[in-house]
Amino acid sequence: MRSRIAALLSAATVAVGIALVVPTMPAAATTGCFDCAAAPAGADARAEGFVVSEAQFNQMFPNRNAFYTYSGLTAALSAYPEFANTGSDTVKRQEAAAFLANVSHETGGLVHVVEQNTGNYPHYCDASQPYGCPAGQAAYYGRGPIQLSWNFNYKAAGDALGIDLLNNPYLVEQDAAVAWKTALWYWNTQTGPGTMTPHHAMVSGAGFGETIRSINGSLECNGGNPGQVQSRINSYKSFVQILGTTPGDNLSC
């Protein structure tokens, strides 16, 4: 993927626990149960109140992979009720646009479900973790909207979401709601190389630039890769326009 968010998650996350030994899953195809995650009570109401309509989502991602369904995204919203649901209507729309602009950048416009460089796959197993890599050394490659990578990040995200992703990392490329939940997990709980979560950056008024810093700031911000930063900003500006609002201040990092 364009950025190496796996390394950032590595720096930000320390996961602990004991692995459950289960048979290794075979490599998954890009087909599967896209929206099979059960929706909790209240999920329908949350989806109905989401500031991005399906038509707007389709306008943002006209060439997206069929895996990345709108229903998968709305099914994931209940995992983090505060996402795009905090502050004024303008702030809600800005946060949704900021999140979708960043995942668009990470996935080439929601085209890529899994990391394209298969040579990296065996490198995402940190064998020093007490739970190891029960799904196999090459099982923890980048997947989903935020390109979740490394065994310890699958463990941390799975623990937070109540899904056993350490033993079943393939769920992130088989179930669209699970994939979106992992992206929302990072957005709402992880600071990466930044000083705040991307969610906090948007609801506090720190601005879109701080979301870039929290996602890939060590490589892109402070002049590291201005082209990549501008690409994210361009997507954000386009998406806030689709949502009928303004981008706010502090767009760069």
Protein backbone atom coordinates (compact mmCIF):
# COMPACT_ATOMS: atom_id res chain seq x y z
CA MET A 1 0.00 0.00 0.00
CA ARG A 2 1.03 3.59 -0.39
CA SER A 3 1.93 3.98 3.26
CA ARG A 4 3.39 1.58 5.71
CA ILE A 5 0.74 1.84 8.35
CA ALA A 6 1.80 -1.52 9.72
CA ALA A 7 4.99 0.00 11.06
CA LEU A 8 3.05 2.82 12.66
CA LEU A 9 0.69 0.41 14.35
CA SER A 10 3.73 -1.54 15.49
CA ALA A 11 5.04 1.53 17.28
CA ALA A 12 1.67 2.41 18.74
CA THR A 13 0.31 -0.93 19.91
CA VAL A 14 1.51 -3.40 22.52
CA ALA A 15 -0.71 -6.45 22.64
CA VAL A 16 -0.53 -9.14 25.30
CA GLY A 17 -2.28 -12.44 25.72
CA ILE A 18 -2.07 -16.18 25.15
CA ALA A 19 -2.74 -17.70 21.76
CA LEU A 20 -5.43 -20.31 21.28
CA VAL A 21 -4.02 -23.06 19.09
CA VAL A 22 -6.31 -23.76 16.16
CA PRO A 23 -5.67 -25.25 12.72
CA THR A 24 -4.14 -22.81 10.27
CA MET A 25 -6.67 -21.44 7.81
CA PRO A 26 -5.93 -21.74 4.10
CA ALA A 27 -5.24 -18.63 2.09
CA ALA A 28 -8.54 -16.90 1.47
CA ALA A 29 -9.88 -15.74 -1.85
CA THR A 30 -11.24 -12.27 -2.32
CA THR A 31 -14.76 -13.64 -2.19
CA GLY A 32 -16.60 -14.63 0.94
CA CYS A 33 -19.15 -13.42 3.44
CA PHE A 34 -19.06 -9.70 2.80
CA ASP A 35 -21.73 -8.55 5.25
CA CYS A 36 -22.30 -11.52 7.51
CA ALA A 37 -21.43 -9.90 10.84
CA ALA A 38 -24.49 -9.76 13.05
CA ALA A 39 -25.69 -6.23 13.66
CA PRO A 40 -26.27 -5.37 17.32
CA ALA A 41 -29.42 -3.72 18.59
CA GLY A 42 -29.59 -0.10 17.50
CA ALA A 43 -27.35 -0.62 14.48
CA ASP A 44 -30.15 0.18 12.01
CA ALA A 45 -30.86 3.49 13.71
CA ARG A 46 -27.16 4.34 13.73
CA ALA A 47 -26.90 3.56 10.02
CA GLU A 48 -29.96 5.67 9.23
CA GLY A 49 -28.36 8.62 11.00
CA PHE A 50 -25.00 8.28 9.23
CA VAL A 51 -23.98 11.51 7.53
CA VAL A 52 -22.88 9.75 4.33
CA SER A 53 -25.67 8.38 2.15
CA GLU A 54 -25.19 5.37 -0.09
CA ALA A 55 -25.41 7.63 -3.15
CA GLN A 56 -22.66 9.86 -1.74
CA PHE A 57 -20.53 6.82 -0.91
CA ASN A 58 -20.91 5.59 -4.48
CA GLN A 59 -19.93 9.04 -5.77
CA MET A 60 -16.78 9.00 -3.62
CA PHE A 61 -15.76 5.51 -4.75
CA PRO A 62 -17.02 4.91 -8.29
CA ASN A 63 -14.41 2.22 -9.02
CA ARG A 64 -14.30 0.46 -5.66
CA ASN A 65 -13.91 -3.26 -5.17
CA ALA A 66 -17.30 -4.91 -4.67
CA PHE A 67 -16.06 -6.15 -1.29
CA TYR A 68 -16.25 -2.65 0.18
CA THR A 69 -20.01 -2.37 0.50
CA TYR A 70 -21.88 0.56 1.98
CA SER A 71 -23.87 -1.88 4.10
CA GLY A 72 -20.60 -3.25 5.48
CA LEU A 73 -19.59 0.24 6.54
CA THR A 74 -22.91 1.06 8.16
CA ALA A 75 -22.96 -2.32 9.94
CA ALA A 76 -19.59 -1.43 11.47
CA LEU A 77 -20.69 1.94 12.86
CA SER A 78 -22.13 0.48 16.05
CA ALA A 79 -18.63 -0.59 17.15
CA TYR A 80 -17.70 3.08 17.66
CA PRO A 81 -20.91 5.11 18.14
CA GLU A 82 -19.00 8.37 18.57
CA PHE A 83 -17.54 8.20 15.05
CA ALA A 84 -19.06 10.86 12.77
CA ASN A 85 -21.63 11.34 15.51
CA THR A 86 -19.91 13.91 17.74
CA GLY A 87 -20.29 17.68 17.64
CA SER A 88 -22.09 19.79 15.07
CA ASP A 89 -23.42 18.51 11.76
CA THR A 90 -20.41 20.14 10.10
CA VAL A 91 -17.96 18.31 12.36
CA LYS A 92 -19.76 15.01 11.79
CA ARG A 93 -19.49 15.42 8.03
CA GLN A 94 -15.88 16.55 8.24
CA GLU A 95 -14.93 13.51 10.30
CA ALA A 96 -16.66 11.09 7.94
CA ALA A 97 -14.95 12.75 4.97
CA ALA A 98 -11.57 12.67 6.72
CA PHE A 99 -11.86 8.97 7.52
CA LEU A 100 -12.98 8.04 4.02
CA ALA A 101 -10.29 10.22 2.41
CA ASN A 102 -7.57 8.45 4.37
CA VAL A 103 -8.85 4.95 3.66
CA SER A 104 -9.22 5.92 0.01
CA HIS A 105 -5.54 6.84 0.00
CA GLU A 106 -4.55 3.58 1.70
CA THR A 107 -6.50 1.38 -0.73
CA GLY A 108 -6.29 3.20 -4.05
CA GLY A 109 -9.91 4.32 -3.85
CA LEU A 110 -11.18 1.21 -2.05
CA VAL A 111 -9.80 -0.95 -4.83
CA HIS A 112 -7.33 -3.08 -2.87
CA VAL A 113 -8.57 -5.43 -0.16
CA VAL A 114 -5.21 -7.03 0.62
CA GLU A 115 -1.63 -5.82 0.48
CA GLN A 116 -0.32 -6.09 -3.06
CA ASN A 117 3.30 -6.96 -2.25
CA THR A 118 3.03 -10.63 -1.32
CA GLY A 119 6.75 -10.74 -0.61
CA ASN A 120 6.04 -8.81 2.60
CA TYR A 121 3.56 -11.34 3.93
CA PRO A 122 5.97 -13.48 6.01
CA HIS A 123 7.46 -10.39 7.66
CA TYR A 124 4.40 -9.48 9.75
CA CYS A 125 4.80 -12.18 12.38
CA ASP A 126 6.43 -10.96 15.58
CA ALA A 127 7.40 -14.29 17.11
CA SER A 128 8.47 -12.60 20.35
CA GLN A 129 4.83 -12.07 21.29
CA PRO A 130 3.66 -14.70 23.81
CA TYR A 131 0.71 -15.73 21.64
CA GLY A 132 2.83 -16.15 18.50
CA CYS A 133 1.29 -16.39 15.05
CA PRO A 134 -1.27 -19.20 15.30
CA ALA A 135 -2.73 -18.58 11.83
CA GLY A 136 0.70 -18.96 10.22
CA GLN A 137 3.77 -16.80 9.75
CA ALA A 138 2.49 -15.29 6.50
CA ALA A 139 -1.11 -14.72 7.66
CA TYR A 140 -0.91 -11.19 9.06
CA TYR A 141 -0.43 -9.09 5.92
CA GLY A 142 -2.25 -5.83 5.26
CA ARG A 143 -6.00 -6.13 4.84
CA GLY A 144 -9.01 -3.88 4.73
CA PRO A 145 -9.57 -0.12 4.56
CA ILE A 146 -6.68 0.70 6.91
CA GLN A 147 -4.48 -2.21 5.76
CA LEU A 148 -4.23 -3.81 9.21
CA SER A 149 -0.93 -5.70 9.53
CA TRP A 150 1.15 -7.63 12.11
CA ASN A 151 0.01 -10.34 14.51
CA PHE A 152 -0.04 -8.00 17.51
CA ASN A 153 -2.31 -5.54 15.72
CA TYR A 154 -4.73 -8.29 14.74
CA LYS A 155 -4.68 -9.33 18.41
CA ALA A 156 -5.27 -5.80 19.69
CA ALA A 157 -8.00 -4.98 17.18
CA GLY A 158 -9.70 -8.32 17.72
CA ASP A 159 -9.65 -7.93 21.49
CA ALA A 160 -11.19 -4.47 21.21
CA LEU A 161 -13.87 -5.63 18.79
CA GLY A 162 -14.66 -8.96 20.43
CA ILE A 163 -13.57 -10.90 17.34
CA ASP A 164 -10.78 -13.50 17.33
CA LEU A 165 -8.67 -11.94 14.59
CA LEU A 166 -5.43 -13.43 15.88
CA ASN A 167 -6.62 -16.91 14.96
CA ASN A 168 -8.85 -15.78 12.10
CA PRO A 169 -7.13 -12.85 10.35
CA TYR A 170 -8.78 -13.84 7.07
CA LEU A 171 -12.07 -12.45 8.37
CA VAL A 172 -10.76 -8.99 7.53
CA GLU A 173 -10.75 -9.85 3.82
CA GLN A 174 -13.89 -12.02 3.91
CA ASP A 175 -16.39 -9.94 5.91
CA ALA A 176 -16.84 -6.31 4.93
CA ALA A 177 -18.26 -5.26 8.30
CA VAL A 178 -15.24 -6.74 10.10
CA ALA A 179 -12.91 -4.99 7.67
CA TRP A 180 -14.56 -1.63 8.29
CA LYS A 181 -14.52 -2.24 12.05
CA THR A 182 -10.73 -2.66 12.01
CA ALA A 183 -10.39 0.70 10.26
CA LEU A 184 -12.70 2.34 12.79
CA TRP A 185 -10.72 0.71 15.60
CA TYR A 186 -7.57 2.44 14.42
CA TRP A 187 -9.31 5.75 13.74
CA ASN A 188 -10.96 5.93 17.15
CA THR A 189 -8.33 4.39 19.44
CA GLN A 190 -4.81 4.63 17.99
CA THR A 191 -2.48 7.62 17.80
CA GLY A 192 0.27 6.08 15.66
CA PRO A 193 3.17 8.54 15.38
CA GLY A 194 0.86 11.43 16.24
CA THR A 195 -0.27 12.84 19.57
CA MET A 196 -3.99 12.11 19.26
CA THR A 197 -6.38 9.72 17.59
CA PRO A 198 -7.71 10.76 14.19
CA HIS A 199 -11.19 10.92 15.75
CA HIS A 200 -9.98 13.38 18.38
CA ALA A 201 -8.17 15.42 15.74
CA MET A 202 -11.42 16.01 13.90
CA VAL A 203 -13.79 16.58 16.82
CA SER A 204 -11.37 18.84 18.70
CA GLY A 205 -10.73 21.12 15.74
CA ALA A 206 -7.06 20.12 15.42
CA GLY A 207 -7.79 19.51 11.75
CA PHE A 208 -7.35 17.02 8.95
CA GLY A 209 -3.57 17.39 8.97
CA GLU A 210 -3.41 15.72 12.37
CA THR A 211 -5.24 12.67 11.03
CA ILE A 212 -2.46 12.29 8.47
CA ARG A 213 0.12 12.57 11.23
CA SER A 214 -1.59 9.86 13.26
CA ILE A 215 -1.82 7.51 10.29
CA ASN A 216 1.46 7.97 8.44
CA GLY A 217 3.07 11.08 9.84
CA SER A 218 6.51 9.61 10.35
CA LEU A 219 6.84 9.07 6.60
CA GLU A 220 4.74 11.88 5.13
CA CYS A 221 4.59 14.87 7.49
CA ASN A 222 7.15 17.63 8.06
CA GLY A 223 8.18 17.48 4.41
CA GLY A 224 8.63 13.71 4.33
CA ASN A 225 6.37 13.16 1.34
CA PRO A 226 4.40 16.27 0.41
CA GLY A 227 2.90 14.59 -2.64
CA GLN A 228 1.23 11.93 -0.53
CA VAL A 229 0.00 14.53 1.95
CA GLN A 230 -1.50 16.57 -0.88
CA SER A 231 -3.18 13.48 -2.30
CA ARG A 232 -4.93 12.91 1.03
CA ILE A 233 -5.91 16.59 1.23
CA ASN A 234 -7.31 16.53 -2.30
CA SER A 235 -9.49 13.52 -1.47
CA TYR A 236 -10.67 15.18 1.73
CA LYS A 237 -11.62 18.40 -0.06
CA SER A 238 -13.50 16.41 -2.68
CA PHE A 239 -15.37 14.39 -0.08
CA VAL A 240 -16.42 17.34 2.09
CA GLN A 241 -17.76 18.97 -1.05
CA ILE A 242 -19.82 15.86 -1.79
CA LEU A 243 -21.14 16.00 1.77
CA GLY A 244 -22.05 19.67 1.41
CA THR A 245 -19.68 21.15 3.94
CA THR A 246 -16.29 22.85 4.21
CA PRO A 247 -12.88 21.34 5.05
CA GLY A 248 -12.01 23.57 7.99
CA ASP A 249 -8.50 24.66 8.94
CA ASN A 250 -5.12 22.94 9.41
CA LEU A 251 -5.34 20.58 6.46
CA SER A 252 -1.65 19.74 6.17
CA CYS A 253 1.02 18.35 8.45
